[in-house]
Amino acid sequence: MKFKAEIDVMPLDALLDPQGKAVSNSMKNIGLPEIEGVRIGRHIRLFVEADSQASAEAKVETACKKMLANQIMESFSFSVTEA
């Protein structure tokens, strides 16, 4: 079976996010001072072949832990659906 995974990787809240801070600071320059606390991360979509949804989820979690997210500096969350 083929499954689609949608993965979000974000910097940990305790760490500085210079990109997010720059965007947050720029919001007032475009007339949106009420927007603050911007955090910038990555969104990853991938497809995986697996026998079951549980197996697909395990493979995606392994990919996140070993390659897609640096767990020292980032957190991740994902969803897996049939493709």
Protein backbone atom coordinates (compact mmCIF):
# COMPACT_ATOMS: atom_id res chain seq x y z
CA MET A 1 0.00 0.00 0.00
CA LYS A 2 1.08 3.56 -0.60
CA PHE A 3 0.79 6.21 2.10
CA LYS A 4 1.34 9.96 2.09
CA ALA A 5 3.08 11.61 5.04
CA GLU A 6 2.87 15.31 5.87
CA ILE A 7 5.67 16.31 8.24
CA ASP A 8 6.22 19.61 10.06
CA VAL A 9 9.65 20.35 11.53
CA MET A 10 9.91 23.38 13.82
CA PRO A 11 12.66 24.90 15.95
CA LEU A 12 12.26 24.12 19.64
CA ASP A 13 10.47 26.89 21.56
CA ALA A 14 13.44 27.31 23.90
CA LEU A 15 15.76 28.16 20.99
CA LEU A 16 16.17 31.42 19.15
CA ASP A 17 14.63 31.52 15.66
CA PRO A 18 16.45 34.36 13.84
CA GLN A 19 14.42 33.93 10.66
CA GLY A 20 11.15 34.00 12.57
CA LYS A 21 12.28 37.00 14.60
CA ALA A 22 13.17 38.94 11.43
CA VAL A 23 9.76 38.19 9.91
CA SER A 24 8.02 39.03 13.17
CA ASN A 25 9.84 42.38 13.38
CA SER A 26 8.95 43.17 9.76
CA MET A 27 5.22 42.70 10.27
CA LYS A 28 4.81 46.25 11.61
CA ASN A 29 6.48 47.58 8.43
CA ILE A 30 3.71 46.06 6.30
CA GLY A 31 0.90 47.28 8.54
CA LEU A 32 0.43 44.13 10.64
CA PRO A 33 1.78 45.02 14.10
CA GLU A 34 -0.67 42.59 15.74
CA ILE A 35 1.25 39.62 14.29
CA GLU A 36 4.11 38.51 16.53
CA GLY A 37 5.95 35.42 17.69
CA VAL A 38 6.59 34.07 14.19
CA ARG A 39 8.44 30.74 14.07
CA ILE A 40 9.68 29.40 10.75
CA GLY A 41 10.15 25.71 10.09
CA ARG A 42 9.84 23.22 7.24
CA HIS A 43 7.00 21.22 5.76
CA ILE A 44 7.91 17.92 4.11
CA ARG A 45 5.63 15.65 2.08
CA LEU A 46 6.70 12.15 1.16
CA PHE A 47 5.22 8.87 0.01
CA VAL A 48 6.01 5.52 1.56
CA GLU A 49 5.20 1.94 0.62
CA ALA A 50 4.18 -0.14 3.65
CA ASP A 51 1.98 -3.09 4.57
CA SER A 52 -0.13 -1.05 7.01
CA GLN A 53 -0.64 2.45 8.32
CA ALA A 54 1.16 1.54 11.55
CA SER A 55 4.16 0.33 9.55
CA ALA A 56 4.13 3.51 7.45
CA GLU A 57 4.01 5.65 10.60
CA ALA A 58 6.96 3.77 12.08
CA LYS A 59 8.98 4.32 8.89
CA VAL A 60 8.15 8.03 8.82
CA GLU A 61 9.08 8.42 12.50
CA THR A 62 12.41 6.70 11.84
CA ALA A 63 13.07 9.01 8.87
CA CYS A 64 12.29 12.06 11.02
CA LYS A 65 14.51 10.94 13.88
CA LYS A 66 17.44 9.87 11.72
CA MET A 67 17.44 12.45 8.93
CA LEU A 68 14.65 14.99 8.62
CA ALA A 69 14.80 16.65 12.05
CA ASN A 70 17.69 17.52 14.32
CA GLN A 71 16.10 16.59 17.65
CA ILE A 72 18.59 18.69 19.60
CA MET A 73 17.20 21.85 17.97
CA GLU A 74 13.90 20.84 16.35
CA SER A 75 10.64 19.06 17.05
CA PHE A 76 8.53 17.26 14.49
CA SER A 77 4.98 16.11 14.01
CA PHE A 78 3.42 14.17 11.16
CA SER A 79 0.29 12.63 9.80
CA VAL A 80 0.05 9.58 7.53
CA THR A 81 -2.88 8.89 5.20
CA GLU A 82 -3.52 6.45 2.39
CA ALA A 83 -2.35 7.88 -0.91
